[in-house]
PDB file of N, CA and C in Angstrom:
ATOM      1  N   MET A   1       0.848  -1.173   0.000  1.00  0.00           N
ATOM      2  CA  MET A   1       0.000   0.000   0.000  1.00  0.00           C
ATOM      3  C   MET A   1       0.894   1.236   0.000  1.00  0.00           C
ATOM      4  N   ASP A   2       0.709   2.066  -0.971  1.00  0.00           N
ATOM      5  CA  ASP A   2       1.517   3.271  -1.023  1.00  0.00           C
ATOM      6  C   ASP A   2       0.778   4.425  -0.335  1.00  0.00           C
ATOM      7  N   PHE A   3       1.410   5.583  -0.330  1.00  0.00           N
ATOM      8  CA  PHE A   3       0.867   6.728   0.386  1.00  0.00           C
ATOM      9  C   PHE A   3      -0.488   7.164  -0.168  1.00  0.00           C
ATOM     10  N   GLN A   4      -0.647   7.148  -1.473  1.00  0.00           N
ATOM     11  CA  GLN A   4      -1.904   7.590  -2.096  1.00  0.00           C
ATOM     12  C   GLN A   4      -3.065   6.676  -1.704  1.00  0.00           C
ATOM     13  N   GLU A   5      -2.832   5.379  -1.652  1.00  0.00           N
ATOM     14  CA  GLU A   5      -3.884   4.453  -1.235  1.00  0.00           C
ATOM     15  C   GLU A   5      -4.237   4.659   0.233  1.00  0.00           C
ATOM     16  N   ALA A   6      -3.229   4.874   1.056  1.00  0.00           N
ATOM     17  CA  ALA A   6      -3.476   5.116   2.478  1.00  0.00           C
ATOM     18  C   ALA A   6      -4.267   6.401   2.675  1.00  0.00           C
ATOM     19  N   LEU A   7      -3.951   7.413   1.889  1.00  0.00           N
ATOM     20  CA  LEU A   7      -4.667   8.676   1.971  1.00  0.00           C
ATOM     21  C   LEU A   7      -6.123   8.506   1.553  1.00  0.00           C
ATOM     22  N   THR A   8      -6.367   7.718   0.528  1.00  0.00           N
ATOM     23  CA  THR A   8      -7.732   7.459   0.069  1.00  0.00           C
ATOM     24  C   THR A   8      -8.533   6.730   1.146  1.00  0.00           C
ATOM     25  N   VAL A   9      -7.930   5.755   1.778  1.00  0.00           N
ATOM     26  CA  VAL A   9      -8.609   5.021   2.852  1.00  0.00           C
ATOM     27  C   VAL A   9      -8.902   5.959   4.013  1.00  0.00           C
ATOM     28  N   ALA A  10      -7.953   6.800   4.373  1.00  0.00           N
ATOM     29  CA  ALA A  10      -8.156   7.743   5.474  1.00  0.00           C
ATOM     30  C   ALA A  10      -9.272   8.723   5.150  1.00  0.00           C
ATOM     31  N   GLU A  11      -9.351   9.173   3.894  1.00  0.00           N
ATOM     32  CA  GLU A  11     -10.414  10.096   3.501  1.00  0.00           C
ATOM     33  C   GLU A  11     -11.786   9.438   3.583  1.00  0.00           C
ATOM     34  N   GLN A  12     -11.855   8.149   3.428  1.00  0.00           N
ATOM     35  CA  GLN A  12     -13.130   7.448   3.528  1.00  0.00           C
ATOM     36  C   GLN A  12     -13.523   7.188   4.977  1.00  0.00           C
ATOM     37  N   ILE A  13     -12.551   6.963   5.831  1.00  0.00           N
ATOM     38  CA  ILE A  13     -12.831   6.606   7.222  1.00  0.00           C
ATOM     39  C   ILE A  13     -13.081   7.834   8.095  1.00  0.00           C
ATOM     40  N   MET A  14     -12.394   8.928   7.835  1.00  0.00           N
ATOM     41  CA  MET A  14     -12.482  10.104   8.700  1.00  0.00           C
ATOM     42  C   MET A  14     -13.904  10.640   8.874  1.00  0.00           C
ATOM     43  N   PRO A  15     -14.699  10.798   7.816  1.00  0.00           N
ATOM     44  CA  PRO A  15     -16.074  11.290   8.045  1.00  0.00           C
ATOM     45  C   PRO A  15     -16.899  10.362   8.940  1.00  0.00           C
ATOM     46  N   ALA A  16     -16.701   9.074   8.808  1.00  0.00           N
ATOM     47  CA  ALA A  16     -17.430   8.127   9.661  1.00  0.00           C
ATOM     48  C   ALA A  16     -16.994   8.267  11.114  1.00  0.00           C
ATOM     49  N   LEU A  17     -15.717   8.436  11.354  1.00  0.00           N
ATOM     50  CA  LEU A  17     -15.228   8.620  12.723  1.00  0.00           C
ATOM     51  C   LEU A  17     -15.735   9.922  13.328  1.00  0.00           C
ATOM     52  N   ILE A  18     -15.688  10.980  12.552  1.00  0.00           N
ATOM     53  CA  ILE A  18     -16.163  12.274  13.046  1.00  0.00           C
ATOM     54  C   ILE A  18     -17.666  12.220  13.312  1.00  0.00           C
ATOM     55  N   GLY A  19     -18.418  11.641  12.387  1.00  0.00           N
ATOM     56  CA  GLY A  19     -19.857  11.518  12.574  1.00  0.00           C
ATOM     57  C   GLY A  19     -20.210  10.656  13.769  1.00  0.00           C
ATOM     58  N   GLY A  20     -19.512   9.547  13.925  1.00  0.00           N
ATOM     59  CA  GLY A  20     -19.760   8.674  15.070  1.00  0.00           C
ATOM     60  C   GLY A  20     -19.465   9.364  16.387  1.00  0.00           C
ATOM     61  N   THR A  21     -18.397  10.139  16.415  1.00  0.00           N
ATOM     62  CA  THR A  21     -18.045  10.879  17.628  1.00  0.00           C
ATOM     63  C   THR A  21     -19.109  11.915  17.962  1.00  0.00           C
ATOM     64  N   LEU A  22     -19.591  12.623  16.943  1.00  0.00           N
ATOM     65  CA  LEU A  22     -20.628  13.623  17.182  1.00  0.00           C
ATOM     66  C   LEU A  22     -21.926  12.984  17.670  1.00  0.00           C
ATOM     67  N   VAL A  23     -22.283  11.849  17.111  1.00  0.00           N
ATOM     68  CA  VAL A  23     -23.493  11.143  17.555  1.00  0.00           C
ATOM     69  C   VAL A  23     -23.334  10.687  19.001  1.00  0.00           C
ATOM     70  N   LEU A  24     -22.174  10.161  19.340  1.00  0.00           N
ATOM     71  CA  LEU A  24     -21.926   9.718  20.714  1.00  0.00           C
ATOM     72  C   LEU A  24     -22.030  10.884  21.691  1.00  0.00           C
ATOM     73  N   LEU A  25     -21.430  12.021  21.342  1.00  0.00           N
ATOM     74  CA  LEU A  25     -21.512  13.189  22.208  1.00  0.00           C
ATOM     75  C   LEU A  25     -22.948  13.693  22.336  1.00  0.00           C
ATOM     76  N   ALA A  26     -23.708  13.645  21.248  1.00  0.00           N
ATOM     77  CA  ALA A  26     -25.111  14.074  21.295  1.00  0.00           C
ATOM     78  C   ALA A  26     -25.925  13.162  22.207  1.00  0.00           C
ATOM     79  N   LEU A  27     -25.679  11.863  22.135  1.00  0.00           N
ATOM     80  CA  LEU A  27     -26.406  10.933  23.003  1.00  0.00           C
ATOM     81  C   LEU A  27     -26.053  11.145  24.469  1.00  0.00           C
ATOM     82  N   LEU A  28     -24.782  11.380  24.740  1.00  0.00           N
ATOM     83  CA  LEU A  28     -24.376  11.649  26.124  1.00  0.00           C
ATOM     84  C   LEU A  28     -24.991  12.950  26.624  1.00  0.00           C
ATOM     85  N   GLY A  29     -25.059  13.945  25.772  1.00  0.00           N
ATOM     86  CA  GLY A  29     -25.681  15.210  26.150  1.00  0.00           C
ATOM     87  C   GLY A  29     -27.168  15.053  26.415  1.00  0.00           C
ATOM     88  N   ALA A  30     -27.853  14.274  25.585  1.00  0.00           N
ATOM     89  CA  ALA A  30     -29.283  14.041  25.782  1.00  0.00           C
ATOM     90  C   ALA A  30     -29.523  13.288  27.084  1.00  0.00           C
ATOM     91  N   LYS A  31     -28.669  12.345  27.386  1.00  0.00           N
ATOM     92  CA  LYS A  31     -28.792  11.590  28.634  1.00  0.00           C
ATOM     93  C   LYS A  31     -28.633  12.523  29.838  1.00  0.00           C
ATOM     94  N   GLU A  32     -27.644  13.401  29.775  1.00  0.00           N
ATOM     95  CA  GLU A  32     -27.415  14.342  30.862  1.00  0.00           C
ATOM     96  C   GLU A  32     -28.591  15.322  30.991  1.00  0.00           C
ATOM     97  N   LEU A  33     -29.142  15.761  29.867  1.00  0.00           N
ATOM     98  CA  LEU A  33     -30.298  16.661  29.886  1.00  0.00           C
ATOM     99  C   LEU A  33     -31.489  15.995  30.552  1.00  0.00           C
ATOM    100  N   LEU A  34     -31.758  14.748  30.214  1.00  0.00           N
ATOM    101  CA  LEU A  34     -32.879  14.043  30.823  1.00  0.00           C
ATOM    102  C   LEU A  34     -32.663  13.840  32.323  1.00  0.00           C
ATOM    103  N   LYS A  35     -31.429  13.561  32.702  1.00  0.00           N
ATOM    104  CA  LYS A  35     -31.119  13.380  34.118  1.00  0.00           C
ATOM    105  C   LYS A  35     -31.352  14.681  34.891  1.00  0.00           C
ATOM    106  N   GLU A  36     -30.875  15.798  34.345  1.00  0.00           N
ATOM    107  CA  GLU A  36     -31.057  17.093  34.992  1.00  0.00           C
ATOM    108  C   GLU A  36     -32.533  17.481  35.041  1.00  0.00           C
ATOM    109  N   ALA A  37     -33.272  17.196  33.985  1.00  0.00           N
ATOM    110  CA  ALA A  37     -34.700  17.518  33.956  1.00  0.00           C
ATOM    111  C   ALA A  37     -35.454  16.706  35.011  1.00  0.00           C
ATOM    112  N   ALA A  38     -35.092  15.451  35.170  1.00  0.00           N
ATOM    113  CA  ALA A  38     -35.748  14.613  36.172  1.00  0.00           C
ATOM    114  C   ALA A  38     -35.506  15.158  37.576  1.00  0.00           C
ATOM    115  N   VAL A  39     -34.280  15.596  37.845  1.00  0.00           N
ATOM    116  CA  VAL A  39     -33.966  16.170  39.157  1.00  0.00           C
ATOM    117  C   VAL A  39     -34.746  17.458  39.359  1.00  0.00           C
ATOM    118  N   ALA A  40     -34.820  18.285  38.330  1.00  0.00           N
ATOM    119  CA  ALA A  40     -35.532  19.558  38.443  1.00  0.00           C
ATOM    120  C   ALA A  40     -37.019  19.346  38.681  1.00  0.00           C
ATOM    121  N   PHE A  41     -37.616  18.370  38.005  1.00  0.00           N
ATOM    122  CA  PHE A  41     -39.046  18.129  38.182  1.00  0.00           C
ATOM    123  C   PHE A  41     -39.354  17.475  39.529  1.00  0.00           C
ATOM    124  N   LYS A  42     -38.411  16.715  40.063  1.00  0.00           N
ATOM    125  CA  LYS A  42     -38.616  16.126  41.404  1.00  0.00           C
ATOM    126  C   LYS A  42     -38.658  17.209  42.452  1.00  0.00           C
ATOM    127  N   LYS A  43     -37.725  18.160  42.357  1.00  0.00           N
ATOM    128  CA  LYS A  43     -37.660  19.239  43.350  1.00  0.00           C
ATOM    129  C   LYS A  43     -38.791  20.231  43.163  1.00  0.00           C
ATOM    130  N   GLY A  44     -39.312  20.331  41.986  1.00  0.00           N
ATOM    131  CA  GLY A  44     -40.349  21.325  41.697  1.00  0.00           C
ATOM    132  C   GLY A  44     -39.710  22.638  41.311  1.00  0.00           C
ATOM    133  N   ALA A  45     -40.403  23.360  40.482  1.00  0.00           N
ATOM    134  CA  ALA A  45     -39.858  24.639  40.009  1.00  0.00           C
ATOM    135  C   ALA A  45     -40.268  25.735  40.967  1.00  0.00           C
ATOM    136  N   ARG A  46     -39.284  26.387  41.532  1.00  0.00           N
ATOM    137  CA  ARG A  46     -39.531  27.522  42.422  1.00  0.00           C
ATOM    138  C   ARG A  46     -38.859  28.735  41.804  1.00  0.00           C
ATOM    139  N   ALA A  47     -39.669  29.719  41.470  1.00  0.00           N
ATOM    140  CA  ALA A  47     -39.113  30.906  40.816  1.00  0.00           C
ATOM    141  C   ALA A  47     -39.016  32.058  41.800  1.00  0.00           C
TER     142      ALA A  47
END
């Protein structure tokens, strides 16, 4: 495998890695949001 082939493979894999990372971070953020919302609703909203 020469450099050009390696570069082509990397160009194909990088978007999948970046997309997967963003999806993982979004899921973790949604989980944290739901956890915080549950705590807030248990305590009740006091303004």
